[in-house]
């Protein structure tokens, strides 16, 4: 992922130095387990610890491993060769009975576990911001829209409560997927433990804090786990896009009910000095597209040949860091945007009133039905008066009071009673209790 979208905390997980250090941790943990089983001399293990305990790989170390790989054409063999250079004769015990994917898949699991912790923290930040603004605007009325057209009133707080509810689901899904993917293997060439004791795997997984070893591995951990994980990230991206798109709509000049923060000195256009564009939301929309593409790549990785081929490897070298880095960045950008979102209640009120009460059409229909008028007949009565608002610029309430069919059934007072904004907001507190589980 390009530096522009990389937060340092997440970027560090995916550096070559960090990856190789985890490789070393896997090898040393397996060696320790073999010491406990009497398969490796304790003094050799202690010699390795003396060299590698606290050892931080440097850019020079990475360059040396890359140099070896140019000859051997195998990244894990290049790494093991480097470790033997550093560790001396005792390093011969490393990788005993193991295959490359024992190291690679277990390391990937550790990295994804660490990345998941940061992503969940990012979601927590988003949820806190959304909740705060939801309660701030719990009873700020605005027009609800379906198909982009005025429907019936909601509150801005209710809109945000729906967003919070969605993030609660996304958090649960990513936490589950993070557990699913936090699985490694130390079971050898085709997963049979032919040359490595299963107890070694159990020890390594516990030492590295993973959920366990793959129940029945092949040469690799099964990639349905990773497909689930990257799909969970993509769905979170979809939630980001949904909410960012809503902000983009609300910021449109003719709507202008909410707006991204526009900071001192910021400029919106190289040509038009008046512009204040929803660039943060548009950026999030683009990142969501990438997350979906990476999820598709992860799904393609599930169908490997027999016990394993290598077609997944190049994919995961890209999508592992890029997907987690992109979502991490997007979450923090969105959380900051919600914290500083500009909300315009007066403009919301203006937009509520722009159609002269048309949003009460359903209440009038229900009032007619309640007085014995057939639903379809009543629909015609209400609709023809509603159309006059659009076509003749007539006030809706006035048109209803002039309609002879409506007047036969409803008095002026009964028509007036249908026009009450508070009616639409009477269950706001109920919805908030359901979403936020408070009070």
Protein backbone atom coordinates (compact mmCIF):
# COMPACT_ATOMS: atom_id res chain seq x y z
CA UNK A 1 0.00 0.00 0.00
CA UNK A 2 1.24 3.48 -0.81
CA UNK A 3 2.45 5.61 2.13
CA UNK A 4 -0.42 8.07 1.60
CA UNK A 5 -2.88 5.57 3.06
CA UNK A 6 -0.61 3.87 5.59
CA UNK A 7 -0.80 4.60 9.29
CA UNK A 8 2.53 3.74 10.95
CA UNK A 9 0.95 1.38 13.50
CA UNK A 10 -0.47 -0.84 10.76
CA UNK A 11 2.43 -0.40 8.38
CA UNK A 12 4.89 -1.80 10.93
CA UNK A 13 3.09 -5.15 10.95
CA UNK A 14 3.88 -5.65 7.28
CA UNK A 15 7.51 -4.53 7.05
CA UNK A 16 10.03 -7.14 5.84
CA UNK A 17 11.86 -6.83 9.17
CA UNK A 18 8.71 -7.61 11.16
CA UNK A 19 7.75 -10.51 8.88
CA UNK A 20 11.17 -12.09 9.13
CA UNK A 21 11.24 -11.67 12.90
CA UNK A 22 7.99 -13.63 13.11
CA UNK A 23 9.52 -16.30 10.87
CA UNK A 24 12.35 -16.52 13.37
CA UNK A 25 9.89 -16.69 16.28
CA UNK A 26 8.09 -19.60 14.61
CA UNK A 27 11.33 -21.52 14.04
CA UNK A 28 12.61 -20.89 17.57
CA UNK A 29 9.28 -21.86 19.14
CA UNK A 30 9.26 -25.13 17.18
CA UNK A 31 12.84 -25.77 18.26
CA UNK A 32 11.94 -25.13 21.90
CA UNK A 33 9.08 -27.61 21.64
CA UNK A 34 11.48 -30.20 20.24
CA UNK A 35 13.86 -29.61 23.15
CA UNK A 36 10.99 -30.36 25.51
CA UNK A 37 10.32 -33.57 23.58
CA UNK A 38 14.00 -34.57 23.73
CA UNK A 39 14.53 -34.16 20.00
CA UNK A 40 17.00 -31.25 20.13
CA UNK A 41 19.91 -30.84 22.55
CA UNK A 42 19.12 -28.10 25.09
CA UNK A 43 22.58 -26.58 24.76
CA UNK A 44 22.06 -26.03 21.04
CA UNK A 45 18.76 -24.31 21.67
CA UNK A 46 20.40 -22.11 24.30
CA UNK A 47 23.11 -21.20 21.81
CA UNK A 48 20.41 -20.06 19.38
CA UNK A 49 18.70 -18.04 22.07
CA UNK A 50 21.95 -16.33 22.94
CA UNK A 51 22.17 -15.08 19.37
CA UNK A 52 18.54 -14.39 18.57
CA UNK A 53 16.74 -13.41 21.79
CA UNK A 54 15.75 -9.78 21.22
CA UNK A 55 17.42 -9.75 17.82
CA UNK A 56 15.86 -7.10 15.57
CA UNK A 57 16.39 -7.65 11.90
CA UNK A 58 17.74 -4.66 10.04
CA UNK A 59 17.53 -3.39 6.49
CA UNK A 60 20.99 -4.87 5.97
CA UNK A 61 19.71 -8.28 7.10
CA UNK A 62 16.80 -8.03 4.69
CA UNK A 63 19.20 -7.12 1.89
CA UNK A 64 21.39 -10.12 2.71
CA UNK A 65 18.42 -12.50 2.62
CA UNK A 66 17.30 -10.98 -0.69
CA UNK A 67 20.79 -11.48 -2.04
CA UNK A 68 20.76 -15.16 -1.07
CA UNK A 69 17.31 -15.57 -2.64
CA UNK A 70 18.64 -14.40 -5.98
CA UNK A 71 20.65 -17.62 -6.06
CA UNK A 72 18.39 -20.15 -4.33
CA UNK A 73 15.14 -18.75 -5.76
CA UNK A 74 13.31 -19.62 -2.51
CA UNK A 75 12.54 -17.08 0.20
CA UNK A 76 12.38 -19.47 3.17
CA UNK A 77 15.60 -21.27 2.18
CA UNK A 78 17.25 -17.86 1.82
CA UNK A 79 16.09 -16.97 5.31
CA UNK A 80 17.26 -20.27 6.82
CA UNK A 81 20.64 -19.82 5.13
CA UNK A 82 20.93 -16.38 6.71
CA UNK A 83 19.96 -17.77 10.13
CA UNK A 84 22.64 -20.45 9.83
CA UNK A 85 25.17 -17.73 9.02
CA UNK A 86 24.20 -15.89 12.18
CA UNK A 87 23.42 -18.82 14.46
CA UNK A 88 26.18 -21.22 13.61
CA UNK A 89 26.01 -25.04 13.83
CA UNK A 90 23.08 -25.03 16.30
CA UNK A 91 20.85 -23.59 13.58
CA UNK A 92 20.83 -27.00 11.88
CA UNK A 93 17.98 -27.98 14.20
CA UNK A 94 15.69 -25.25 12.87
CA UNK A 95 12.95 -26.24 10.41
CA UNK A 96 13.23 -29.89 11.45
CA UNK A 97 10.34 -31.86 9.90
CA UNK A 98 8.74 -28.63 8.70
CA UNK A 99 7.82 -27.17 5.33
CA UNK A 100 7.89 -23.57 4.16
CA UNK A 101 4.16 -23.09 4.62
CA UNK A 102 4.46 -24.04 8.28
CA UNK A 103 6.46 -20.83 8.65
CA UNK A 104 4.59 -18.73 6.10
CA UNK A 105 1.03 -19.56 7.12
CA UNK A 106 1.73 -19.32 10.82
CA UNK A 107 3.42 -15.96 10.32
CA UNK A 108 0.51 -14.74 8.19
CA UNK A 109 -1.84 -15.73 11.00
CA UNK A 110 0.18 -13.70 13.51
CA UNK A 111 0.22 -10.67 11.21
CA UNK A 112 -3.52 -10.87 10.56
CA UNK A 113 -4.20 -11.22 14.26
CA UNK A 114 -2.20 -8.07 14.97
CA UNK A 115 -3.87 -6.25 12.07
CA UNK A 116 -7.31 -7.30 13.30
CA UNK A 117 -6.64 -5.77 16.71
CA UNK A 118 -5.93 -2.41 15.06
CA UNK A 119 -8.96 -2.67 12.79
CA UNK A 120 -11.24 -3.42 15.75
CA UNK A 121 -9.77 -0.42 17.56
CA UNK A 122 -10.57 1.66 14.49
CA UNK A 123 -14.16 0.43 14.48
CA UNK A 124 -14.42 1.26 18.17
CA UNK A 125 -13.34 4.80 17.38
CA UNK A 126 -15.95 5.06 14.64
CA UNK A 127 -18.68 3.70 16.89
CA UNK A 128 -17.82 6.15 19.66
CA UNK A 129 -17.96 9.08 17.23
CA UNK A 130 -21.22 7.95 15.63
CA UNK A 131 -22.84 7.35 19.03
CA UNK A 132 -21.87 10.77 20.32
CA UNK A 133 -23.32 12.53 17.27
CA UNK A 134 -26.42 10.31 17.32
CA UNK A 135 -27.30 11.39 20.85
CA UNK A 136 -26.47 14.99 19.97
CA UNK A 137 -29.04 14.88 17.15
CA UNK A 138 -31.45 12.38 18.67
CA UNK A 139 -34.37 14.72 18.01
CA UNK A 140 -33.06 16.80 15.14
CA UNK A 141 -35.82 16.28 12.55
CA UNK A 142 -34.99 15.89 8.89
CA UNK A 143 -36.61 14.51 5.79
CA UNK A 144 -36.29 10.80 5.17
CA UNK A 145 -35.86 9.92 1.52
CA UNK A 146 -36.55 6.84 -0.55
CA UNK A 147 -35.41 6.66 -4.18
CA UNK A 148 -33.85 10.07 -3.45
CA UNK A 149 -37.35 11.57 -3.07
CA UNK A 150 -38.92 13.03 0.07
CA UNK A 151 -40.70 10.29 2.03
CA UNK A 152 -41.49 10.88 5.73
CA UNK A 153 -39.58 12.57 8.57
CA UNK A 154 -36.82 10.91 10.57
CA UNK A 155 -34.17 12.45 12.79
CA UNK A 156 -30.51 12.80 12.01
CA UNK A 157 -29.87 10.91 15.24
CA UNK A 158 -31.96 7.99 13.97
CA UNK A 159 -29.91 7.91 10.78
CA UNK A 160 -26.75 7.74 12.87
CA UNK A 161 -28.26 5.09 15.14
CA UNK A 162 -28.66 2.92 12.06
CA UNK A 163 -25.02 3.51 11.23
CA UNK A 164 -23.98 2.53 14.75
CA UNK A 165 -26.03 -0.66 14.51
CA UNK A 166 -24.31 -1.55 11.24
CA UNK A 167 -20.87 -1.01 12.79
CA UNK A 168 -21.81 -3.22 15.70
CA UNK A 169 -22.48 -6.02 13.20
CA UNK A 170 -19.29 -5.30 11.26
CA UNK A 171 -17.26 -5.41 14.46
CA UNK A 172 -18.69 -8.79 15.41
CA UNK A 173 -18.09 -10.15 11.90
CA UNK A 174 -14.46 -9.00 11.76
CA UNK A 175 -13.78 -10.28 15.28
CA UNK A 176 -15.15 -13.70 14.25
CA UNK A 177 -13.21 -13.72 11.00
CA UNK A 178 -10.09 -12.63 12.86
CA UNK A 179 -10.39 -15.67 15.10
CA UNK A 180 -11.06 -17.92 12.12
CA UNK A 181 -7.92 -16.76 10.34
CA UNK A 182 -5.68 -16.79 13.45
CA UNK A 183 -4.74 -20.40 12.75
CA UNK A 184 -1.34 -21.74 11.74
CA UNK A 185 0.23 -25.11 11.08
CA UNK A 186 3.39 -27.02 11.95
CA UNK A 187 2.43 -30.31 10.33
CA UNK A 188 4.99 -30.80 7.58
CA UNK A 189 5.03 -31.22 3.85
CA UNK A 190 1.43 -32.35 3.30
CA UNK A 191 -0.05 -31.87 6.77
CA UNK A 192 0.41 -35.43 8.03
CA UNK A 193 2.91 -34.71 10.86
CA UNK A 194 5.10 -37.42 9.30
CA UNK A 195 8.31 -35.81 10.51
CA UNK A 196 7.15 -33.46 13.25
CA UNK A 197 5.24 -34.29 16.42
CA UNK A 198 1.74 -32.73 16.67
CA UNK A 199 2.72 -31.49 20.12
CA UNK A 200 5.19 -29.15 18.46
CA UNK A 201 2.35 -27.46 16.60
CA UNK A 202 0.27 -27.13 19.75
CA UNK A 203 3.19 -25.56 21.60
CA UNK A 204 3.98 -23.09 18.82
CA UNK A 205 0.37 -21.96 18.44
CA UNK A 206 0.01 -21.34 22.16
CA UNK A 207 3.33 -19.52 22.40
CA UNK A 208 2.43 -17.22 19.52
CA UNK A 209 -1.06 -16.56 20.86
CA UNK A 210 -2.92 -18.11 17.94
CA UNK A 211 -6.28 -19.85 18.05
CA UNK A 212 -4.66 -23.20 17.23
CA UNK A 213 -3.45 -25.32 14.36
CA UNK A 214 -5.49 -26.19 11.30
CA UNK A 215 -7.62 -29.23 12.12
CA UNK A 216 -6.74 -31.13 8.95
CA UNK A 217 -4.16 -29.14 7.02
CA UNK A 218 -2.77 -29.94 3.62
CA UNK A 219 0.56 -28.30 2.89
CA UNK A 220 -1.23 -25.08 3.83
CA UNK A 221 -3.94 -23.76 6.08
CA UNK A 222 -7.17 -23.97 4.11
CA UNK A 223 -7.88 -20.71 2.30
CA UNK A 224 -11.59 -20.59 3.02
CA UNK A 225 -10.46 -19.01 6.29
CA UNK A 226 -8.72 -16.17 4.48
CA UNK A 227 -11.60 -15.73 2.05
CA UNK A 228 -13.92 -15.24 5.01
CA UNK A 229 -11.55 -12.72 6.55
CA UNK A 230 -11.02 -10.54 3.50
CA UNK A 231 -14.73 -10.71 2.70
CA UNK A 232 -15.45 -9.41 6.20
CA UNK A 233 -13.10 -6.50 5.51
CA UNK A 234 -14.85 -5.84 2.20
CA UNK A 235 -18.29 -5.78 3.84
CA UNK A 236 -16.94 -3.27 6.34
CA UNK A 237 -15.78 -1.26 3.35
CA UNK A 238 -19.32 -1.47 2.00
CA UNK A 239 -20.65 -0.04 5.26
CA UNK A 240 -18.10 2.77 5.04
CA UNK A 241 -19.15 3.47 1.47
CA UNK A 242 -22.85 3.45 2.35
CA UNK A 243 -22.35 6.05 5.06
CA UNK A 244 -19.83 8.12 3.11
CA UNK A 245 -22.22 8.19 0.16
CA UNK A 246 -24.97 9.49 2.42
CA UNK A 247 -22.73 12.33 3.56
CA UNK A 248 -21.94 13.11 -0.08
CA UNK A 249 -25.66 13.38 -0.82
CA UNK A 250 -26.36 15.50 2.25
CA UNK A 251 -23.54 17.86 1.26
CA UNK A 252 -24.92 18.52 -2.22
CA UNK A 253 -25.58 22.26 -2.62
CA UNK A 254 -29.32 21.86 -3.09
CA UNK A 255 -29.57 19.67 0.05
CA UNK A 256 -26.74 20.94 2.32
CA UNK A 257 -27.99 19.35 5.54
CA UNK A 258 -24.55 18.12 6.60
CA UNK A 259 -21.02 18.74 5.43
CA UNK A 260 -17.55 17.36 5.87
CA UNK A 261 -15.18 19.52 7.94
CA UNK A 262 -13.53 22.28 5.90
CA UNK A 263 -10.45 23.47 7.74
CA UNK A 264 -8.67 26.82 7.77
CA UNK A 265 -6.57 27.22 4.66
CA UNK A 266 -8.21 24.31 2.84
CA UNK A 267 -8.97 24.81 -0.84
CA UNK A 268 -11.54 22.87 -2.79
CA UNK A 269 -10.66 23.43 -6.42
CA UNK A 270 -7.69 24.66 -8.42
CA UNK A 271 -10.12 26.50 -10.72
CA UNK A 272 -13.16 27.45 -8.59
CA UNK A 273 -12.41 29.21 -5.28
CA UNK A 274 -15.96 28.72 -3.98
CA UNK A 275 -15.88 24.91 -3.93
CA UNK A 276 -16.18 22.82 -0.73
CA UNK A 277 -16.14 19.26 -2.00
CA UNK A 278 -16.82 16.01 -0.06
CA UNK A 279 -13.33 14.72 -0.77
CA UNK A 280 -13.01 12.58 2.37
CA UNK A 281 -16.20 10.67 1.61
CA UNK A 282 -15.20 10.26 -2.02
CA UNK A 283 -11.84 8.90 -0.92
CA UNK A 284 -13.57 6.35 1.32
CA UNK A 285 -15.81 5.31 -1.56
CA UNK A 286 -12.75 4.56 -3.67
CA UNK A 287 -11.03 2.56 -0.93
CA UNK A 288 -14.18 0.46 -0.53
CA UNK A 289 -13.91 -0.53 -4.18
CA UNK A 290 -10.40 -1.83 -3.58
CA UNK A 291 -11.51 -3.83 -0.55
CA UNK A 292 -14.16 -5.58 -2.66
CA UNK A 293 -11.59 -6.39 -5.34
CA UNK A 294 -9.23 -7.88 -2.78
CA UNK A 295 -12.04 -10.00 -1.33
CA UNK A 296 -12.64 -11.47 -4.78
CA UNK A 297 -8.93 -12.31 -5.06
CA UNK A 298 -9.10 -14.09 -1.68
CA UNK A 299 -12.10 -16.11 -2.88
CA UNK A 300 -10.12 -17.14 -5.96
CA UNK A 301 -7.40 -18.50 -3.64
CA UNK A 302 -9.65 -21.13 -2.06
CA UNK A 303 -9.38 -23.62 -4.92
CA UNK A 304 -5.72 -24.64 -4.76
CA UNK A 305 -4.54 -27.81 -6.50
CA UNK A 306 -4.40 -31.02 -4.46
CA UNK A 307 -2.48 -30.43 -1.24
CA UNK A 308 -1.30 -27.03 -2.40
CA UNK A 309 -0.06 -24.92 -5.25
CA UNK A 310 1.55 -21.50 -4.98
CA UNK A 311 -1.03 -19.39 -6.84
CA UNK A 312 -2.31 -17.89 -3.57
CA UNK A 313 1.10 -16.63 -2.51
CA UNK A 314 1.45 -13.65 -4.84
CA UNK A 315 -2.13 -12.63 -4.07
CA UNK A 316 -1.62 -12.63 -0.32
CA UNK A 317 1.67 -10.74 -0.49
CA UNK A 318 -0.43 -7.89 -1.89
CA UNK A 319 -3.83 -8.15 -0.24
CA UNK A 320 -2.59 -8.99 3.26
CA UNK A 321 -0.94 -5.65 3.83
CA UNK A 322 -2.99 -3.60 1.38
CA UNK A 323 -6.47 -4.59 2.59
CA UNK A 324 -5.71 -4.23 6.28
CA UNK A 325 -3.80 -0.97 5.77
CA UNK A 326 -6.56 0.50 3.59
CA UNK A 327 -9.37 -0.38 5.99
CA UNK A 328 -7.38 0.81 8.99
CA UNK A 329 -6.75 4.16 7.29
CA UNK A 330 -10.37 4.46 6.14
CA UNK A 331 -11.76 3.81 9.60
CA UNK A 332 -9.63 6.49 11.20
CA UNK A 333 -10.44 8.96 8.43
CA UNK A 334 -14.16 8.27 8.82
CA UNK A 335 -14.06 8.51 12.61
CA UNK A 336 -12.38 11.91 12.42
CA UNK A 337 -14.85 13.05 9.81
CA UNK A 338 -17.84 12.12 11.98
CA UNK A 339 -16.28 13.84 15.01
CA UNK A 340 -16.06 17.06 13.02
CA UNK A 341 -19.07 16.71 10.73
CA UNK A 342 -20.96 19.96 10.26
CA UNK A 343 -24.71 19.48 10.76
CA UNK A 344 -27.26 22.12 9.74
CA UNK A 345 -30.58 21.61 11.61
CA UNK A 346 -32.10 24.80 10.17
CA UNK A 347 -31.47 23.59 6.64
CA UNK A 348 -33.03 20.24 7.56
CA UNK A 349 -36.11 22.13 8.77
CA UNK A 350 -36.27 24.13 5.53
CA UNK A 351 -36.15 20.95 3.47
CA UNK A 352 -38.89 19.39 5.62
CA UNK A 353 -41.17 22.28 4.74
CA UNK A 354 -40.33 22.55 1.05
CA UNK A 355 -43.24 20.32 -0.06
CA UNK A 356 -45.82 21.90 2.23
CA UNK A 357 -46.58 18.86 4.31
CA UNK A 358 -46.71 16.23 1.57
CA UNK A 359 -44.94 13.85 3.92
CA UNK A 360 -48.24 13.52 5.83
CA UNK A 361 -49.97 11.85 2.88
CA UNK A 362 -49.91 8.43 4.55
CA UNK A 363 -51.47 9.80 7.74
CA UNK A 364 -54.32 11.33 5.74
CA UNK A 365 -54.84 8.03 3.92
CA UNK A 366 -54.96 6.14 7.23
CA UNK A 367 -57.42 8.67 8.63
CA UNK A 368 -59.71 8.10 5.65
CA UNK A 369 -59.44 4.33 6.01
CA UNK A 370 -60.19 4.68 9.71
CA UNK A 371 -63.45 6.42 8.78
CA UNK A 372 -64.53 3.55 6.54
CA UNK A 373 -63.19 4.63 3.15
CA UNK A 374 -61.74 1.79 1.09
CA UNK A 375 -57.96 1.90 1.01
CA UNK A 376 -57.64 2.13 -2.78
CA UNK A 377 -60.39 4.74 -3.00
CA UNK A 378 -58.77 6.78 -0.25
CA UNK A 379 -55.42 6.44 -2.02
CA UNK A 380 -56.92 8.10 -5.09
CA UNK A 381 -58.33 10.96 -2.96
CA UNK A 382 -54.99 11.67 -1.35
CA UNK A 383 -52.86 11.17 -4.43
CA UNK A 384 -54.80 13.58 -6.64
CA UNK A 385 -54.35 16.32 -4.06
CA UNK A 386 -50.70 15.48 -3.62
CA UNK A 387 -50.18 15.81 -7.37
CA UNK A 388 -51.64 19.32 -7.22
CA UNK A 389 -48.75 20.31 -4.97
CA UNK A 390 -46.26 19.26 -7.65
CA UNK A 391 -48.18 20.49 -10.67
CA UNK A 392 -50.19 23.50 -9.47
CA UNK A 393 -48.03 24.66 -6.52
CA UNK A 394 -51.05 24.30 -4.22
CA UNK A 395 -50.66 23.82 -0.43
CA UNK A 396 -51.39 20.17 0.37
CA UNK A 397 -53.49 20.79 3.46
CA UNK A 398 -55.51 23.45 1.68
CA UNK A 399 -56.09 21.17 -1.30
CA UNK A 400 -57.38 18.40 0.98
CA UNK A 401 -59.81 20.77 2.69
CA UNK A 402 -61.21 21.79 -0.71
CA UNK A 403 -61.65 18.23 -1.96
CA UNK A 404 -65.34 17.27 -1.66
CA UNK A 405 -64.67 13.55 -1.27
CA UNK A 406 -62.25 14.17 1.58
CA UNK A 407 -64.54 16.74 3.22
CA UNK A 408 -67.38 14.21 3.31
CA UNK A 409 -65.29 12.08 5.65
CA UNK A 410 -62.79 14.32 7.48
CA UNK A 411 -63.41 17.67 9.17
CA UNK A 412 -60.90 20.51 8.99
CA UNK A 413 -59.80 19.67 12.52
CA UNK A 414 -59.28 16.01 11.61
CA UNK A 415 -57.23 17.00 8.57
CA UNK A 416 -55.18 19.39 10.70
CA UNK A 417 -54.56 16.61 13.20
CA UNK A 418 -52.79 14.65 10.47
CA UNK A 419 -50.12 17.36 10.21
CA UNK A 420 -48.00 16.87 13.33
CA UNK A 421 -44.26 16.33 13.05
CA UNK A 422 -44.00 14.84 16.55
CA UNK A 423 -46.10 11.89 15.43
CA UNK A 424 -43.15 10.65 13.37
CA UNK A 425 -40.72 10.94 16.25
CA UNK A 426 -42.71 9.29 19.03
CA UNK A 427 -40.66 6.07 19.01
CA UNK A 428 -37.20 7.60 18.70
CA UNK A 429 -36.38 6.66 22.30
CA UNK A 430 -37.54 3.08 21.73
CA UNK A 431 -35.21 2.73 18.73
CA UNK A 432 -32.31 4.26 20.65
CA UNK A 433 -32.81 1.79 23.49
CA UNK A 434 -32.78 -1.09 21.03
CA UNK A 435 -29.62 0.09 19.28
CA UNK A 436 -27.57 1.42 22.17
CA UNK A 437 -29.01 -0.90 24.85
CA UNK A 438 -29.17 1.89 27.39
CA UNK A 439 -31.98 2.78 29.75
